[in-house]
Amino acid sequence: MEAADVIVRTHDVHKYYGELHVLKGVDLSVKKGELIAIVGKSGAGKSTLLHLLGTLDKATSGTIAIGNQDVRSLVKDKLARFRNEKIGFIFQFHHLLDEFTAIENVCIPALIHQADRKQTEAKALDLLTYLGLQDRLDHKPSQLSGGEQQRVAIARALINSPDIILADEPTGNLDTESSKDIHNLIRKLAHELGQTFIIVTHNMELAELCDRVLTMKDGRIMI
């Protein structure tokens, strides 16, 4: 893998919680536009790794780079800005704000970044239309199906054109049909838009749609 193509790189990452050694020397390289699934049993360290990549937690030791930035070197304010600009998140539970409409929820990360409101709304409209939600722009989360809510969450993750999107069990709360729709949508986004995804999942159907499947066991990525 050429260094210029790599968007995420970790080296010898360890994470302790007290005396509990959760990650035990994780090395990972992901190239731009790649769709990666991380699988493994509960407790293997998958979500912990995702949280470190998302700068939601800090590694005890080792290096984590996104683009050319060593994220462990960033202080609090710069880290928050970097996270907002460079990383998109999709969670099992969509975490949409109930009082806001679909398009307002999508705009929030960009407005936090103090982006131009009109340009942000135009981009949000484009994203929601691309995701098939052009008729749901003014609907609040309670008026949307589970699959529609997750599509709004995906649009929100995309609004700042992040380097990577991190997804933690993105279809874990959906029925079978909605799960398949989201699986295909993620694959489409990766391959048509060149968006990099790292997905933690127990769903092997989703994993099999990815470019690579990595298995974690006892805090390590198995070779």
Protein backbone atom coordinates (compact mmCIF):
# COMPACT_ATOMS: atom_id res chain seq x y z
CA MET A 1 0.00 0.00 0.00
CA GLU A 2 1.55 3.32 -1.14
CA ALA A 3 2.02 5.82 1.69
CA ALA A 4 0.29 8.54 -0.35
CA ASP A 5 -2.87 6.43 -0.55
CA VAL A 6 -3.11 5.80 3.20
CA ILE A 7 -5.71 7.88 5.02
CA VAL A 8 -5.59 6.05 8.37
CA ARG A 9 -2.55 4.49 9.98
CA THR A 10 -2.05 3.13 13.47
CA HIS A 11 1.11 1.61 14.90
CA ASP A 12 1.45 -0.44 18.07
CA VAL A 13 -1.65 1.06 19.68
CA HIS A 14 -2.33 -0.01 23.25
CA LYS A 15 -5.25 0.95 25.46
CA TYR A 16 -5.59 0.29 29.17
CA TYR A 17 -8.55 1.01 31.40
CA GLY A 18 -6.94 0.76 34.79
CA GLU A 19 -5.32 -2.67 34.80
CA LEU A 20 -7.52 -3.94 31.96
CA HIS A 21 -5.44 -4.22 28.78
CA VAL A 22 -8.05 -3.79 26.01
CA LEU A 23 -5.93 -3.11 22.89
CA LYS A 24 -2.63 -4.94 22.65
CA GLY A 25 -0.59 -3.46 19.84
CA VAL A 26 -2.94 -2.66 16.95
CA ASP A 27 -1.41 -1.93 13.54
CA LEU A 28 -3.82 -0.77 10.84
CA SER A 29 -3.55 0.91 7.44
CA VAL A 30 -6.56 2.03 5.45
CA LYS A 31 -6.33 3.64 2.04
CA LYS A 32 -8.53 6.46 0.78
CA GLY A 33 -11.89 5.23 -0.53
CA GLU A 34 -11.56 1.82 1.09
CA LEU A 35 -14.53 0.12 2.76
CA ILE A 36 -13.33 -1.81 5.81
CA ALA A 37 -15.27 -4.08 8.17
CA ILE A 38 -13.95 -4.98 11.61
CA VAL A 39 -15.55 -8.09 13.07
CA GLY A 40 -15.04 -10.23 16.14
CA LYS A 41 -16.69 -11.34 19.33
CA SER A 42 -17.95 -8.88 21.93
CA GLY A 43 -15.08 -7.70 24.09
CA ALA A 44 -12.46 -8.13 21.36
CA GLY A 45 -11.71 -4.39 21.32
CA LYS A 46 -13.57 -3.35 18.15
CA SER A 47 -15.52 -0.42 19.56
CA THR A 48 -12.56 0.71 21.65
CA LEU A 49 -10.45 0.92 18.49
CA LEU A 50 -13.21 2.84 16.70
CA HIS A 51 -13.42 5.33 19.56
CA LEU A 52 -9.66 5.89 19.40
CA LEU A 53 -9.77 6.40 15.63
CA GLY A 54 -12.62 8.85 16.15
CA THR A 55 -10.61 10.77 18.78
CA LEU A 56 -13.41 10.16 21.30
CA ASP A 57 -10.83 8.52 23.56
CA LYS A 58 -7.04 8.51 23.74
CA ALA A 59 -4.67 5.61 23.28
CA THR A 60 -2.41 4.75 26.20
CA SER A 61 0.51 4.38 23.77
CA GLY A 62 1.22 4.03 20.07
CA THR A 63 0.51 6.33 17.12
CA ILE A 64 -2.73 7.12 15.30
CA ALA A 65 -2.61 9.24 12.14
CA ILE A 66 -5.52 10.43 10.02
CA GLY A 67 -4.28 11.98 6.82
CA ASN A 68 -0.97 13.46 7.84
CA GLN A 69 -2.12 14.39 11.33
CA ASP A 70 -0.95 12.56 14.44
CA VAL A 71 -4.17 12.89 16.44
CA ARG A 72 -2.51 12.19 19.78
CA SER A 73 -0.55 15.45 19.42
CA LEU A 74 -3.66 17.64 19.22
CA VAL A 75 -4.76 19.63 22.25
CA LYS A 76 -8.41 19.74 23.28
CA ASP A 77 -9.77 22.62 21.14
CA LYS A 78 -7.80 21.66 18.03
CA LEU A 79 -8.82 18.03 18.52
CA ALA A 80 -12.51 18.94 18.62
CA ARG A 81 -12.16 20.99 15.43
CA PHE A 82 -10.23 18.22 13.71
CA ARG A 83 -12.90 15.68 14.68
CA ASN A 84 -15.66 17.90 13.35
CA GLU A 85 -13.91 18.54 10.04
CA LYS A 86 -12.25 15.21 9.29
CA ILE A 87 -14.37 12.44 10.86
CA GLY A 88 -17.99 11.45 10.33
CA PHE A 89 -19.83 9.12 12.71
CA ILE A 90 -22.71 6.69 12.26
CA PHE A 91 -23.93 4.87 15.35
CA GLN A 92 -26.32 1.98 15.94
CA PHE A 93 -28.80 4.47 17.36
CA HIS A 94 -29.01 7.44 15.01
CA HIS A 95 -28.75 10.14 17.75
CA LEU A 96 -30.80 12.63 15.74
CA LEU A 97 -32.14 15.60 17.66
CA ASP A 98 -35.90 15.17 18.04
CA GLU A 99 -36.77 18.87 17.87
CA PHE A 100 -35.08 19.41 14.49
CA THR A 101 -36.14 18.36 11.00
CA ALA A 102 -34.15 15.99 8.81
CA ILE A 103 -32.39 18.76 6.92
CA GLU A 104 -31.68 20.69 10.13
CA ASN A 105 -30.12 17.59 11.71
CA VAL A 106 -27.88 17.14 8.67
CA CYS A 107 -26.73 20.75 8.79
CA ILE A 108 -25.69 20.78 12.46
CA PRO A 109 -22.04 19.60 12.12
CA ALA A 110 -21.35 22.14 9.37
CA LEU A 111 -22.96 24.99 11.30
CA ILE A 112 -20.88 24.05 14.35
CA HIS A 113 -17.92 24.50 11.99
CA GLN A 114 -19.38 27.96 11.18
CA ALA A 115 -19.91 27.11 7.53
CA ASP A 116 -22.10 29.35 5.38
CA ARG A 117 -25.74 28.52 6.16
CA LYS A 118 -27.05 28.77 2.59
CA GLN A 119 -24.24 26.63 1.19
CA THR A 120 -24.73 24.12 4.01
CA GLU A 121 -28.47 23.86 3.40
CA ALA A 122 -27.86 23.39 -0.33
CA LYS A 123 -25.37 20.60 0.33
CA ALA A 124 -27.71 18.97 2.86
CA LEU A 125 -30.48 19.05 0.27
CA ASP A 126 -28.18 17.41 -2.29
CA LEU A 127 -27.16 14.69 0.16
CA LEU A 128 -30.70 13.91 1.29
CA THR A 129 -31.85 13.80 -2.33
CA TYR A 130 -28.96 11.45 -3.19
CA LEU A 131 -30.07 9.25 -0.29
CA GLY A 132 -33.68 9.22 -1.49
CA LEU A 133 -35.09 11.49 1.22
CA GLN A 134 -36.07 14.52 -0.85
CA ASP A 135 -39.67 14.13 0.36
CA ARG A 136 -38.66 13.96 4.02
CA LEU A 137 -36.67 17.17 4.41
CA ASP A 138 -39.06 18.81 6.88
CA HIS A 139 -39.95 15.66 8.79
CA LYS A 140 -38.76 15.28 12.36
CA PRO A 141 -37.20 11.98 13.49
CA SER A 142 -40.46 10.75 15.04
CA GLN A 143 -42.06 11.02 11.60
CA LEU A 144 -39.40 8.86 9.92
CA SER A 145 -38.90 5.10 9.78
CA GLY A 146 -35.82 3.54 11.33
CA GLY A 147 -34.17 3.18 7.95
CA GLU A 148 -34.96 6.79 7.04
CA GLN A 149 -33.55 8.01 10.34
CA GLN A 150 -30.32 6.15 9.66
CA ARG A 151 -30.13 7.69 6.16
CA VAL A 152 -30.41 11.12 7.76
CA ALA A 153 -27.60 10.13 10.13
CA ILE A 154 -25.48 9.08 7.13
CA ALA A 155 -26.12 12.43 5.42
CA ARG A 156 -25.12 14.18 8.65
CA ALA A 157 -21.88 12.17 8.70
CA LEU A 158 -21.14 13.28 5.13
CA ILE A 159 -21.97 16.99 5.43
CA ASN A 160 -18.41 18.14 6.19
CA SER A 161 -16.83 15.90 3.50
CA PRO A 162 -14.82 14.00 6.12
CA ASP A 163 -11.66 12.02 5.42
CA ILE A 164 -13.24 8.97 7.07
CA ILE A 165 -16.60 7.79 8.32
CA LEU A 166 -16.63 5.51 11.35
CA ALA A 167 -19.71 3.33 11.76
CA ASP A 168 -20.45 1.32 14.91
CA GLU A 169 -23.09 -1.36 14.21
CA PRO A 170 -24.88 0.94 11.72
CA THR A 171 -27.66 -1.57 11.03
CA GLY A 172 -27.85 -3.17 14.47
CA ASN A 173 -31.15 -1.48 15.29
CA LEU A 174 -32.88 -2.06 11.94
CA ASP A 175 -35.11 -4.76 10.49
CA THR A 176 -33.75 -7.07 7.79
CA GLU A 177 -35.04 -5.10 4.80
CA SER A 178 -33.85 -1.74 6.14
CA SER A 179 -30.49 -3.29 7.01
CA LYS A 180 -29.99 -4.49 3.45
CA ASP A 181 -30.88 -1.03 2.13
CA ILE A 182 -28.29 0.60 4.39
CA HIS A 183 -25.68 -2.05 3.50
CA ASN A 184 -26.10 -1.31 -0.19
CA LEU A 185 -26.12 2.43 0.42
CA ILE A 186 -22.82 2.34 2.31
CA ARG A 187 -21.23 0.32 -0.48
CA LYS A 188 -22.57 2.81 -3.03
CA LEU A 189 -21.16 5.77 -1.10
CA ALA A 190 -17.76 4.12 -0.82
CA HIS A 191 -17.52 3.18 -4.47
CA GLU A 192 -19.31 6.10 -6.17
CA LEU A 193 -18.11 8.94 -3.94
CA GLY A 194 -14.77 7.43 -2.88
CA GLN A 195 -15.72 7.79 0.78
CA THR A 196 -13.59 5.88 3.27
CA PHE A 197 -15.57 3.78 5.77
CA ILE A 198 -14.42 1.78 8.78
CA ILE A 199 -17.33 -0.27 10.10
CA VAL A 200 -17.58 -2.31 13.27
CA THR A 201 -20.26 -4.93 12.81
CA HIS A 202 -21.53 -8.35 13.84
CA ASN A 203 -23.51 -8.53 10.59
CA MET A 204 -21.56 -10.76 8.21
CA GLU A 205 -23.77 -9.80 5.25
CA LEU A 206 -22.58 -6.21 5.67
CA ALA A 207 -18.99 -7.33 6.23
CA GLU A 208 -19.00 -9.38 3.03
CA LEU A 209 -19.90 -6.26 1.01
CA CYS A 210 -16.73 -4.54 2.19
CA ASP A 211 -13.38 -4.40 0.42
CA ARG A 212 -11.61 -5.98 3.41
CA VAL A 213 -12.74 -7.76 6.54
CA LEU A 214 -10.47 -7.55 9.59
CA THR A 215 -11.03 -9.83 12.57
CA MET A 216 -10.20 -8.68 16.08
CA LYS A 217 -9.49 -11.14 18.87
CA ASP A 218 -8.28 -10.37 22.38
CA GLY A 219 -7.30 -6.81 21.57
CA ARG A 220 -5.43 -7.56 18.35
CA ILE A 221 -6.16 -7.58 14.64
CA MET A 222 -5.58 -11.12 13.46
CA ILE A 223 -3.34 -11.62 10.45
